Amino acid sequence: MTNKFEGVDYLVGCYFHQDFSMYGENDKDVVDFFCNESDLSLIKNVINSFSLFIKFFSKNKHGADKYFDEISCGYYYQDDGITGYEWAEKLKALLEKGLSNKK
């Protein structure tokens, strides 16, 4: 891992790029696909990365939007009426649910 948000970068970069719809119709479908295709250790690492991300941006929640822009997120979470920070929280919750379903 090259940076502290490597798992965030991995999930968003690999699964939420401009062609994210090849993995599902929405963010829940995409996370479900990721969890079904990934091993437990990878899912746990991505969850840990989201935990660090959420903690880091807790005092500057708008920074999360900027971060997602910088890593070329192709999913427009704003259409769901949420911020980048709220989307990170949502993705973490979906990942945790996917992990519990996999055990």
PDB file of N, CA and C in Angstrom:
ATOM      1  N   MET A   1       0.840  -1.176   0.000  1.00  0.00           N
ATOM      2  CA  MET A   1       0.000   0.000   0.000  1.00  0.00           C
ATOM      3  C   MET A   1       0.890   1.246   0.000  1.00  0.00           C
ATOM      4  N   THR A   2       0.627   2.133  -0.942  1.00  0.00           N
ATOM      5  CA  THR A   2       1.489   3.290  -1.109  1.00  0.00           C
ATOM      6  C   THR A   2       0.999   4.522  -0.360  1.00  0.00           C
ATOM      7  N   ASN A   3      -0.248   4.575   0.003  1.00  0.00           N
ATOM      8  CA  ASN A   3      -0.732   5.701   0.797  1.00  0.00           C
ATOM      9  C   ASN A   3      -1.755   5.199   1.802  1.00  0.00           C
ATOM     10  N   LYS A   4      -2.101   6.058   2.733  1.00  0.00           N
ATOM     11  CA  LYS A   4      -2.977   5.607   3.812  1.00  0.00           C
ATOM     12  C   LYS A   4      -4.410   5.327   3.373  1.00  0.00           C
ATOM     13  N   PHE A   5      -4.781   5.795   2.191  1.00  0.00           N
ATOM     14  CA  PHE A   5      -6.124   5.531   1.681  1.00  0.00           C
ATOM     15  C   PHE A   5      -6.086   4.571   0.499  1.00  0.00           C
ATOM     16  N   GLU A   6      -5.126   3.693   0.485  1.00  0.00           N
ATOM     17  CA  GLU A   6      -4.944   2.782  -0.640  1.00  0.00           C
ATOM     18  C   GLU A   6      -6.205   1.982  -0.955  1.00  0.00           C
ATOM     19  N   GLY A   7      -6.885   1.504   0.065  1.00  0.00           N
ATOM     20  CA  GLY A   7      -8.108   0.733  -0.158  1.00  0.00           C
ATOM     21  C   GLY A   7      -9.218   1.566  -0.772  1.00  0.00           C
ATOM     22  N   VAL A   8      -9.315   2.823  -0.364  1.00  0.00           N
ATOM     23  CA  VAL A   8     -10.284   3.744  -0.960  1.00  0.00           C
ATOM     24  C   VAL A   8      -9.931   3.936  -2.430  1.00  0.00           C
ATOM     25  N   ASP A   9      -8.650   4.200  -2.681  1.00  0.00           N
ATOM     26  CA  ASP A   9      -8.194   4.397  -4.064  1.00  0.00           C
ATOM     27  C   ASP A   9      -8.471   3.164  -4.916  1.00  0.00           C
ATOM     28  N   TYR A  10      -8.225   1.998  -4.331  1.00  0.00           N
ATOM     29  CA  TYR A  10      -8.428   0.744  -5.071  1.00  0.00           C
ATOM     30  C   TYR A  10      -9.903   0.559  -5.437  1.00  0.00           C
ATOM     31  N   LEU A  11     -10.773   0.635  -4.441  1.00  0.00           N
ATOM     32  CA  LEU A  11     -12.196   0.407  -4.702  1.00  0.00           C
ATOM     33  C   LEU A  11     -12.753   1.444  -5.672  1.00  0.00           C
ATOM     34  N   VAL A  12     -12.487   2.713  -5.404  1.00  0.00           N
ATOM     35  CA  VAL A  12     -13.041   3.772  -6.253  1.00  0.00           C
ATOM     36  C   VAL A  12     -12.397   3.736  -7.640  1.00  0.00           C
ATOM     37  N   GLY A  13     -11.084   3.561  -7.691  1.00  0.00           N
ATOM     38  CA  GLY A  13     -10.392   3.556  -8.970  1.00  0.00           C
ATOM     39  C   GLY A  13     -10.725   2.374  -9.859  1.00  0.00           C
ATOM     40  N   CYS A  14     -10.897   1.216  -9.244  1.00  0.00           N
ATOM     41  CA  CYS A  14     -11.154   0.000 -10.024  1.00  0.00           C
ATOM     42  C   CYS A  14     -12.634  -0.260 -10.286  1.00  0.00           C
ATOM     43  N   TYR A  15     -13.490   0.176  -9.394  1.00  0.00           N
ATOM     44  CA  TYR A  15     -14.903  -0.184  -9.501  1.00  0.00           C
ATOM     45  C   TYR A  15     -15.853   0.994  -9.706  1.00  0.00           C
ATOM     46  N   PHE A  16     -15.398   2.207  -9.421  1.00  0.00           N
ATOM     47  CA  PHE A  16     -16.264   3.379  -9.581  1.00  0.00           C
ATOM     48  C   PHE A  16     -15.673   4.364 -10.588  1.00  0.00           C
ATOM     49  N   HIS A  17     -15.082   3.836 -11.637  1.00  0.00           N
ATOM     50  CA  HIS A  17     -14.568   4.667 -12.723  1.00  0.00           C
ATOM     51  C   HIS A  17     -15.714   4.981 -13.677  1.00  0.00           C
ATOM     52  N   GLN A  18     -15.415   5.566 -14.802  1.00  0.00           N
ATOM     53  CA  GLN A  18     -16.480   6.009 -15.720  1.00  0.00           C
ATOM     54  C   GLN A  18     -17.358   4.872 -16.212  1.00  0.00           C
ATOM     55  N   ASP A  19     -16.867   3.642 -16.202  1.00  0.00           N
ATOM     56  CA  ASP A  19     -17.646   2.484 -16.651  1.00  0.00           C
ATOM     57  C   ASP A  19     -18.157   1.641 -15.481  1.00  0.00           C
ATOM     58  N   PHE A  20     -18.411   2.297 -14.341  1.00  0.00           N
ATOM     59  CA  PHE A  20     -18.814   1.547 -13.154  1.00  0.00           C
ATOM     60  C   PHE A  20     -20.041   0.676 -13.398  1.00  0.00           C
ATOM     61  N   SER A  21     -20.886   1.064 -14.339  1.00  0.00           N
ATOM     62  CA  SER A  21     -22.144   0.335 -14.550  1.00  0.00           C
ATOM     63  C   SER A  21     -21.920  -1.101 -15.028  1.00  0.00           C
ATOM     64  N   MET A  22     -20.705  -1.441 -15.425  1.00  0.00           N
ATOM     65  CA  MET A  22     -20.442  -2.831 -15.802  1.00  0.00           C
ATOM     66  C   MET A  22     -20.442  -3.747 -14.573  1.00  0.00           C
ATOM     67  N   TYR A  23     -20.388  -3.141 -13.370  1.00  0.00           N
ATOM     68  CA  TYR A  23     -20.406  -3.918 -12.129  1.00  0.00           C
ATOM     69  C   TYR A  23     -21.752  -3.853 -11.407  1.00  0.00           C
ATOM     70  N   GLY A  24     -22.633  -2.981 -11.837  1.00  0.00           N
ATOM     71  CA  GLY A  24     -23.933  -2.857 -11.194  1.00  0.00           C
ATOM     72  C   GLY A  24     -24.579  -1.531 -11.536  1.00  0.00           C
ATOM     73  N   GLU A  25     -25.824  -1.397 -11.160  1.00  0.00           N
ATOM     74  CA  GLU A  25     -26.578  -0.188 -11.482  1.00  0.00           C
ATOM     75  C   GLU A  25     -26.346   0.953 -10.500  1.00  0.00           C
ATOM     76  N   ASN A  26     -25.895   0.618  -9.291  1.00  0.00           N
ATOM     77  CA  ASN A  26     -25.707   1.640  -8.271  1.00  0.00           C
ATOM     78  C   ASN A  26     -24.548   1.248  -7.362  1.00  0.00           C
ATOM     79  N   ASP A  27     -24.258   2.093  -6.390  1.00  0.00           N
ATOM     80  CA  ASP A  27     -23.104   1.825  -5.529  1.00  0.00           C
ATOM     81  C   ASP A  27     -23.263   0.540  -4.713  1.00  0.00           C
ATOM     82  N   LYS A  28     -24.470   0.231  -4.280  1.00  0.00           N
ATOM     83  CA  LYS A  28     -24.686  -1.004  -3.534  1.00  0.00           C
ATOM     84  C   LYS A  28     -24.373  -2.222  -4.400  1.00  0.00           C
ATOM     85  N   ASP A  29     -24.850  -2.221  -5.627  1.00  0.00           N
ATOM     86  CA  ASP A  29     -24.573  -3.338  -6.541  1.00  0.00           C
ATOM     87  C   ASP A  29     -23.071  -3.497  -6.781  1.00  0.00           C
ATOM     88  N   VAL A  30     -22.385  -2.379  -6.948  1.00  0.00           N
ATOM     89  CA  VAL A  30     -20.944  -2.427  -7.213  1.00  0.00           C
ATOM     90  C   VAL A  30     -20.195  -2.988  -6.005  1.00  0.00           C
ATOM     91  N   VAL A  31     -20.551  -2.539  -4.813  1.00  0.00           N
ATOM     92  CA  VAL A  31     -19.899  -3.058  -3.601  1.00  0.00           C
ATOM     93  C   VAL A  31     -20.223  -4.538  -3.428  1.00  0.00           C
ATOM     94  N   ASP A  32     -21.451  -4.937  -3.704  1.00  0.00           N
ATOM     95  CA  ASP A  32     -21.807  -6.361  -3.636  1.00  0.00           C
ATOM     96  C   ASP A  32     -20.940  -7.178  -4.598  1.00  0.00           C
ATOM     97  N   PHE A  33     -20.752  -6.670  -5.808  1.00  0.00           N
ATOM     98  CA  PHE A  33     -19.906  -7.349  -6.788  1.00  0.00           C
ATOM     99  C   PHE A  33     -18.483  -7.467  -6.255  1.00  0.00           C
ATOM    100  N   PHE A  34     -17.949  -6.366  -5.746  1.00  0.00           N
ATOM    101  CA  PHE A  34     -16.593  -6.365  -5.186  1.00  0.00           C
ATOM    102  C   PHE A  34     -16.460  -7.400  -4.072  1.00  0.00           C
ATOM    103  N   CYS A  35     -17.410  -7.417  -3.158  1.00  0.00           N
ATOM    104  CA  CYS A  35     -17.341  -8.348  -2.027  1.00  0.00           C
ATOM    105  C   CYS A  35     -17.447  -9.801  -2.490  1.00  0.00           C
ATOM    106  N   ASN A  36     -18.272 -10.063  -3.474  1.00  0.00           N
ATOM    107  CA  ASN A  36     -18.409 -11.425  -3.988  1.00  0.00           C
ATOM    108  C   ASN A  36     -17.149 -11.902  -4.693  1.00  0.00           C
ATOM    109  N   GLU A  37     -16.421 -10.984  -5.317  1.00  0.00           N
ATOM    110  CA  GLU A  37     -15.234 -11.331  -6.096  1.00  0.00           C
ATOM    111  C   GLU A  37     -13.941 -11.285  -5.286  1.00  0.00           C
ATOM    112  N   SER A  38     -13.969 -10.724  -4.093  1.00  0.00           N
ATOM    113  CA  SER A  38     -12.748 -10.477  -3.325  1.00  0.00           C
ATOM    114  C   SER A  38     -12.640 -11.409  -2.126  1.00  0.00           C
ATOM    115  N   ASP A  39     -11.404 -11.610  -1.676  1.00  0.00           N
ATOM    116  CA  ASP A  39     -11.212 -12.431  -0.479  1.00  0.00           C
ATOM    117  C   ASP A  39     -11.389 -11.574   0.775  1.00  0.00           C
ATOM    118  N   LEU A  40     -11.528 -12.254   1.903  1.00  0.00           N
ATOM    119  CA  LEU A  40     -11.820 -11.564   3.164  1.00  0.00           C
ATOM    120  C   LEU A  40     -10.762 -10.536   3.527  1.00  0.00           C
ATOM    121  N   SER A  41      -9.487 -10.878   3.315  1.00  0.00           N
ATOM    122  CA  SER A  41      -8.428  -9.949   3.726  1.00  0.00           C
ATOM    123  C   SER A  41      -8.474  -8.655   2.916  1.00  0.00           C
ATOM    124  N   LEU A  42      -8.779  -8.738   1.640  1.00  0.00           N
ATOM    125  CA  LEU A  42      -8.876  -7.524   0.827  1.00  0.00           C
ATOM    126  C   LEU A  42     -10.052  -6.665   1.283  1.00  0.00           C
ATOM    127  N   ILE A  43     -11.180  -7.286   1.527  1.00  0.00           N
ATOM    128  CA  ILE A  43     -12.354  -6.536   1.993  1.00  0.00           C
ATOM    129  C   ILE A  43     -12.032  -5.841   3.317  1.00  0.00           C
ATOM    130  N   LYS A  44     -11.383  -6.558   4.233  1.00  0.00           N
ATOM    131  CA  LYS A  44     -11.013  -5.970   5.526  1.00  0.00           C
ATOM    132  C   LYS A  44     -10.056  -4.797   5.343  1.00  0.00           C
ATOM    133  N   ASN A  45      -9.087  -4.942   4.451  1.00  0.00           N
ATOM    134  CA  ASN A  45      -8.135  -3.851   4.199  1.00  0.00           C
ATOM    135  C   ASN A  45      -8.839  -2.618   3.643  1.00  0.00           C
ATOM    136  N   VAL A  46      -9.794  -2.830   2.753  1.00  0.00           N
ATOM    137  CA  VAL A  46     -10.531  -1.697   2.179  1.00  0.00           C
ATOM    138  C   VAL A  46     -11.392  -1.031   3.258  1.00  0.00           C
ATOM    139  N   ILE A  47     -12.020  -1.824   4.101  1.00  0.00           N
ATOM    140  CA  ILE A  47     -12.805  -1.263   5.215  1.00  0.00           C
ATOM    141  C   ILE A  47     -11.907  -0.427   6.125  1.00  0.00           C
ATOM    142  N   ASN A  48     -10.737  -0.953   6.461  1.00  0.00           N
ATOM    143  CA  ASN A  48      -9.800  -0.204   7.315  1.00  0.00           C
ATOM    144  C   ASN A  48      -9.385   1.114   6.664  1.00  0.00           C
ATOM    145  N   SER A  49      -9.168   1.077   5.366  1.00  0.00           N
ATOM    146  CA  SER A  49      -8.803   2.282   4.643  1.00  0.00           C
ATOM    147  C   SER A  49      -9.941   3.312   4.697  1.00  0.00           C
ATOM    148  N   PHE A  50     -11.177   2.854   4.548  1.00  0.00           N
ATOM    149  CA  PHE A  50     -12.318   3.768   4.652  1.00  0.00           C
ATOM    150  C   PHE A  50     -12.449   4.324   6.069  1.00  0.00           C
ATOM    151  N   SER A  51     -12.135   3.530   7.072  1.00  0.00           N
ATOM    152  CA  SER A  51     -12.165   4.028   8.451  1.00  0.00           C
ATOM    153  C   SER A  51     -11.179   5.170   8.636  1.00  0.00           C
ATOM    154  N   LEU A  52      -9.966   4.990   8.115  1.00  0.00           N
ATOM    155  CA  LEU A  52      -8.958   6.057   8.183  1.00  0.00           C
ATOM    156  C   LEU A  52      -9.400   7.293   7.406  1.00  0.00           C
ATOM    157  N   PHE A  53      -9.971   7.067   6.239  1.00  0.00           N
ATOM    158  CA  PHE A  53     -10.460   8.152   5.378  1.00  0.00           C
ATOM    159  C   PHE A  53     -11.520   8.965   6.114  1.00  0.00           C
ATOM    160  N   ILE A  54     -12.486   8.289   6.687  1.00  0.00           N
ATOM    161  CA  ILE A  54     -13.585   8.951   7.397  1.00  0.00           C
ATOM    162  C   ILE A  54     -13.054   9.737   8.597  1.00  0.00           C
ATOM    163  N   LYS A  55     -12.134   9.135   9.333  1.00  0.00           N
ATOM    164  CA  LYS A  55     -11.548   9.835  10.481  1.00  0.00           C
ATOM    165  C   LYS A  55     -10.765  11.062  10.014  1.00  0.00           C
ATOM    166  N   PHE A  56      -9.970  10.912   8.958  1.00  0.00           N
ATOM    167  CA  PHE A  56      -9.145  12.004   8.456  1.00  0.00           C
ATOM    168  C   PHE A  56      -9.996  13.190   8.006  1.00  0.00           C
ATOM    169  N   PHE A  57     -11.090  12.922   7.314  1.00  0.00           N
ATOM    170  CA  PHE A  57     -11.913  13.999   6.774  1.00  0.00           C
ATOM    171  C   PHE A  57     -13.050  14.420   7.707  1.00  0.00           C
ATOM    172  N   SER A  58     -13.074  13.929   8.926  1.00  0.00           N
ATOM    173  CA  SER A  58     -14.170  14.261   9.843  1.00  0.00           C
ATOM    174  C   SER A  58     -14.228  15.754  10.191  1.00  0.00           C
ATOM    175  N   LYS A  59     -13.095  16.435  10.160  1.00  0.00           N
ATOM    176  CA  LYS A  59     -13.068  17.867  10.477  1.00  0.00           C
ATOM    177  C   LYS A  59     -13.108  18.736   9.220  1.00  0.00           C
ATOM    178  N   ASN A  60     -12.966  18.110   8.063  1.00  0.00           N
ATOM    179  CA  ASN A  60     -13.026  18.828   6.786  1.00  0.00           C
ATOM    180  C   ASN A  60     -13.777  17.945   5.793  1.00  0.00           C
ATOM    181  N   LYS A  61     -15.063  17.825   6.001  1.00  0.00           N
ATOM    182  CA  LYS A  61     -15.863  16.881   5.213  1.00  0.00           C
ATOM    183  C   LYS A  61     -15.883  17.217   3.727  1.00  0.00           C
ATOM    184  N   HIS A  62     -15.724  18.479   3.376  1.00  0.00           N
ATOM    185  CA  HIS A  62     -15.691  18.852   1.953  1.00  0.00           C
ATOM    186  C   HIS A  62     -14.410  18.357   1.287  1.00  0.00           C
ATOM    187  N   GLY A  63     -13.399  18.093   2.087  1.00  0.00           N
ATOM    188  CA  GLY A  63     -12.157  17.550   1.548  1.00  0.00           C
ATOM    189  C   GLY A  63     -12.360  16.185   0.911  1.00  0.00           C
ATOM    190  N   ALA A  64     -13.346  15.450   1.373  1.00  0.00           N
ATOM    191  CA  ALA A  64     -13.637  14.132   0.797  1.00  0.00           C
ATOM    192  C   ALA A  64     -14.092  14.278  -0.654  1.00  0.00           C
ATOM    193  N   ASP A  65     -14.904  15.278  -0.939  1.00  0.00           N
ATOM    194  CA  ASP A  65     -15.337  15.527  -2.322  1.00  0.00           C
ATOM    195  C   ASP A  65     -14.137  15.821  -3.211  1.00  0.00           C
ATOM    196  N   LYS A  66     -13.256  16.661  -2.722  1.00  0.00           N
ATOM    197  CA  LYS A  66     -12.063  17.006  -3.491  1.00  0.00           C
ATOM    198  C   LYS A  66     -11.205  15.771  -3.732  1.00  0.00           C
ATOM    199  N   TYR A  67     -11.064  14.941  -2.711  1.00  0.00           N
ATOM    200  CA  TYR A  67     -10.260  13.728  -2.853  1.00  0.00           C
ATOM    201  C   TYR A  67     -10.844  12.815  -3.930  1.00  0.00           C
ATOM    202  N   PHE A  68     -12.148  12.605  -3.911  1.00  0.00           N
ATOM    203  CA  PHE A  68     -12.779  11.748  -4.918  1.00  0.00           C
ATOM    204  C   PHE A  68     -12.615  12.343  -6.318  1.00  0.00           C
ATOM    205  N   ASP A  69     -12.677  13.659  -6.421  1.00  0.00           N
ATOM    206  CA  ASP A  69     -12.426  14.299  -7.717  1.00  0.00           C
ATOM    207  C   ASP A  69     -11.004  14.027  -8.189  1.00  0.00           C
ATOM    208  N   GLU A  70     -10.052  14.133  -7.275  1.00  0.00           N
ATOM    209  CA  GLU A  70      -8.643  13.955  -7.627  1.00  0.00           C
ATOM    210  C   GLU A  70      -8.319  12.533  -8.077  1.00  0.00           C
ATOM    211  N   ILE A  71      -9.044  11.550  -7.576  1.00  0.00           N
ATOM    212  CA  ILE A  71      -8.766  10.172  -8.001  1.00  0.00           C
ATOM    213  C   ILE A  71      -9.708   9.731  -9.121  1.00  0.00           C
ATOM    214  N   SER A  72     -10.366  10.702  -9.738  1.00  0.00           N
ATOM    215  CA  SER A  72     -11.200  10.473 -10.929  1.00  0.00           C
ATOM    216  C   SER A  72     -12.361   9.511 -10.687  1.00  0.00           C
ATOM    217  N   CYS A  73     -13.068   9.742  -9.600  1.00  0.00           N
ATOM    218  CA  CYS A  73     -14.261   8.945  -9.327  1.00  0.00           C
ATOM    219  C   CYS A  73     -15.286   9.195 -10.433  1.00  0.00           C
ATOM    220  N   GLY A  74     -15.779   8.116 -11.033  1.00  0.00           N
ATOM    221  CA  GLY A  74     -16.742   8.235 -12.116  1.00  0.00           C
ATOM    222  C   GLY A  74     -18.187   8.065 -11.670  1.00  0.00           C
ATOM    223  N   TYR A  75     -18.380   7.784 -10.385  1.00  0.00           N
ATOM    224  CA  TYR A  75     -19.730   7.614  -9.853  1.00  0.00           C
ATOM    225  C   TYR A  75     -20.180   8.947  -9.289  1.00  0.00           C
ATOM    226  N   TYR A  76     -21.337   9.428  -9.711  1.00  0.00           N
ATOM    227  CA  TYR A  76     -21.821  10.730  -9.281  1.00  0.00           C
ATOM    228  C   TYR A  76     -22.746  10.559  -8.074  1.00  0.00           C
ATOM    229  N   TYR A  77     -22.127  10.414  -6.900  1.00  0.00           N
ATOM    230  CA  TYR A  77     -22.876  10.183  -5.652  1.00  0.00           C
ATOM    231  C   TYR A  77     -23.765  11.377  -5.308  1.00  0.00           C
ATOM    232  N   GLN A  78     -23.453  12.547  -5.843  1.00  0.00           N
ATOM    233  CA  GLN A  78     -24.272  13.726  -5.569  1.00  0.00           C
ATOM    234  C   GLN A  78     -25.712  13.536  -6.059  1.00  0.00           C
ATOM    235  N   ASP A  79     -25.898  12.684  -7.080  1.00  0.00           N
ATOM    236  CA  ASP A  79     -27.265  12.392  -7.547  1.00  0.00           C
ATOM    237  C   ASP A  79     -28.094  11.706  -6.468  1.00  0.00           C
ATOM    238  N   ASP A  80     -27.416  11.085  -5.504  1.00  0.00           N
ATOM    239  CA  ASP A  80     -28.110  10.444  -4.389  1.00  0.00           C
ATOM    240  C   ASP A  80     -28.371  11.433  -3.253  1.00  0.00           C
ATOM    241  N   GLY A  81     -27.983  12.696  -3.461  1.00  0.00           N
ATOM    242  CA  GLY A  81     -28.217  13.731  -2.456  1.00  0.00           C
ATOM    243  C   GLY A  81     -27.266  13.675  -1.281  1.00  0.00           C
ATOM    244  N   ILE A  82     -26.062  13.127  -1.487  1.00  0.00           N
ATOM    245  CA  ILE A  82     -25.100  13.002  -0.399  1.00  0.00           C
ATOM    246  C   ILE A  82     -23.757  13.616  -0.800  1.00  0.00           C
ATOM    247  N   THR A  83     -22.952  13.895   0.205  1.00  0.00           N
ATOM    248  CA  THR A  83     -21.608  14.424  -0.006  1.00  0.00           C
ATOM    249  C   THR A  83     -20.616  13.270  -0.149  1.00  0.00           C
ATOM    250  N   GLY A  84     -19.406  13.599  -0.513  1.00  0.00           N
ATOM    251  CA  GLY A  84     -18.362  12.586  -0.604  1.00  0.00           C
ATOM    252  C   GLY A  84     -18.096  11.925   0.737  1.00  0.00           C
ATOM    253  N   TYR A  85     -18.140  12.712   1.798  1.00  0.00           N
ATOM    254  CA  TYR A  85     -17.941  12.163   3.138  1.00  0.00           C
ATOM    255  C   TYR A  85     -19.050  11.168   3.485  1.00  0.00           C
ATOM    256  N   GLU A  86     -20.282  11.555   3.207  1.00  0.00           N
ATOM    257  CA  GLU A  86     -21.411  10.654   3.478  1.00  0.00           C
ATOM    258  C   GLU A  86     -21.339   9.409   2.597  1.00  0.00           C
ATOM    259  N   TRP A  87     -20.858   9.571   1.370  1.00  0.00           N
ATOM    260  CA  TRP A  87     -20.716   8.424   0.480  1.00  0.00           C
ATOM    261  C   TRP A  87     -19.662   7.460   1.015  1.00  0.00           C
ATOM    262  N   ALA A  88     -18.572   8.001   1.539  1.00  0.00           N
ATOM    263  CA  ALA A  88     -17.544   7.151   2.144  1.00  0.00           C
ATOM    264  C   ALA A  88     -18.125   6.352   3.313  1.00  0.00           C
ATOM    265  N   GLU A  89     -18.932   7.008   4.143  1.00  0.00           N
ATOM    266  CA  GLU A  89     -19.582   6.307   5.252  1.00  0.00           C
ATOM    267  C   GLU A  89     -20.513   5.212   4.728  1.00  0.00           C
ATOM    268  N   LYS A  90     -21.241   5.529   3.669  1.00  0.00           N
ATOM    269  CA  LYS A  90     -22.158   4.561   3.074  1.00  0.00           C
ATOM    270  C   LYS A  90     -21.394   3.371   2.503  1.00  0.00           C
ATOM    271  N   LEU A  91     -20.310   3.642   1.769  1.00  0.00           N
ATOM    272  CA  LEU A  91     -19.520   2.550   1.199  1.00  0.00           C
ATOM    273  C   LEU A  91     -18.946   1.665   2.292  1.00  0.00           C
ATOM    274  N   LYS A  92     -18.453   2.270   3.369  1.00  0.00           N
ATOM    275  CA  LYS A  92     -17.913   1.488   4.480  1.00  0.00           C
ATOM    276  C   LYS A  92     -18.996   0.579   5.070  1.00  0.00           C
ATOM    277  N   ALA A  93     -20.181   1.100   5.258  1.00  0.00           N
ATOM    278  CA  ALA A  93     -21.285   0.292   5.794  1.00  0.00           C
ATOM    279  C   ALA A  93     -21.644  -0.850   4.841  1.00  0.00           C
ATOM    280  N   LEU A  94     -21.664  -0.564   3.548  1.00  0.00           N
ATOM    281  CA  LEU A  94     -21.958  -1.616   2.557  1.00  0.00           C
ATOM    282  C   LEU A  94     -20.871  -2.679   2.551  1.00  0.00           C
ATOM    283  N   LEU A  95     -19.624  -2.252   2.676  1.00  0.00           N
ATOM    284  CA  LEU A  95     -18.507  -3.203   2.742  1.00  0.00           C
ATOM    285  C   LEU A  95     -18.611  -4.088   3.986  1.00  0.00           C
ATOM    286  N   GLU A  96     -18.946  -3.483   5.106  1.00  0.00           N
ATOM    287  CA  GLU A  96     -19.089  -4.245   6.352  1.00  0.00           C
ATOM    288  C   GLU A  96     -20.214  -5.276   6.225  1.00  0.00           C
ATOM    289  N   LYS A  97     -21.303  -4.875   5.593  1.00  0.00           N
ATOM    290  CA  LYS A  97     -22.401  -5.809   5.364  1.00  0.00           C
ATOM    291  C   LYS A  97     -21.959  -6.933   4.427  1.00  0.00           C
ATOM    292  N   GLY A  98     -21.237  -6.578   3.375  1.00  0.00           N
ATOM    293  CA  GLY A  98     -20.726  -7.600   2.444  1.00  0.00           C
ATOM    294  C   GLY A  98     -19.765  -8.548   3.125  1.00  0.00           C
ATOM    295  N   LEU A  99     -18.941  -8.034   4.010  1.00  0.00           N
ATOM    296  CA  LEU A  99     -18.015  -8.885   4.754  1.00  0.00           C
ATOM    297  C   LEU A  99     -18.765  -9.846   5.672  1.00  0.00           C
ATOM    298  N   SER A 100     -19.774  -9.349   6.363  1.00  0.00           N
ATOM    299  CA  SER A 100     -20.531 -10.217   7.276  1.00  0.00           C
ATOM    300  C   SER A 100     -21.304 -11.287   6.510  1.00  0.00           C
ATOM    301  N   ASN A 101     -21.746 -10.973   5.311  1.00  0.00           N
ATOM    302  CA  ASN A 101     -22.451 -11.954   4.498  1.00  0.00           C
ATOM    303  C   ASN A 101     -21.510 -13.023   3.954  1.00  0.00           C
ATOM    304  N   LYS A 102     -20.240 -12.700   3.852  1.00  0.00           N
ATOM    305  CA  LYS A 102     -19.263 -13.606   3.273  1.00  0.00           C
ATOM    306  C   LYS A 102     -18.743 -14.614   4.299  1.00  0.00           C
ATOM    307  N   LYS A 103     -18.809 -14.276   5.562  1.00  0.00           N
ATOM    308  CA  LYS A 103     -18.259 -15.144   6.613  1.00  0.00           C
ATOM    309  C   LYS A 103     -19.086 -16.397   6.796  1.00  0.00           C
TER     310      LYS A 103
END
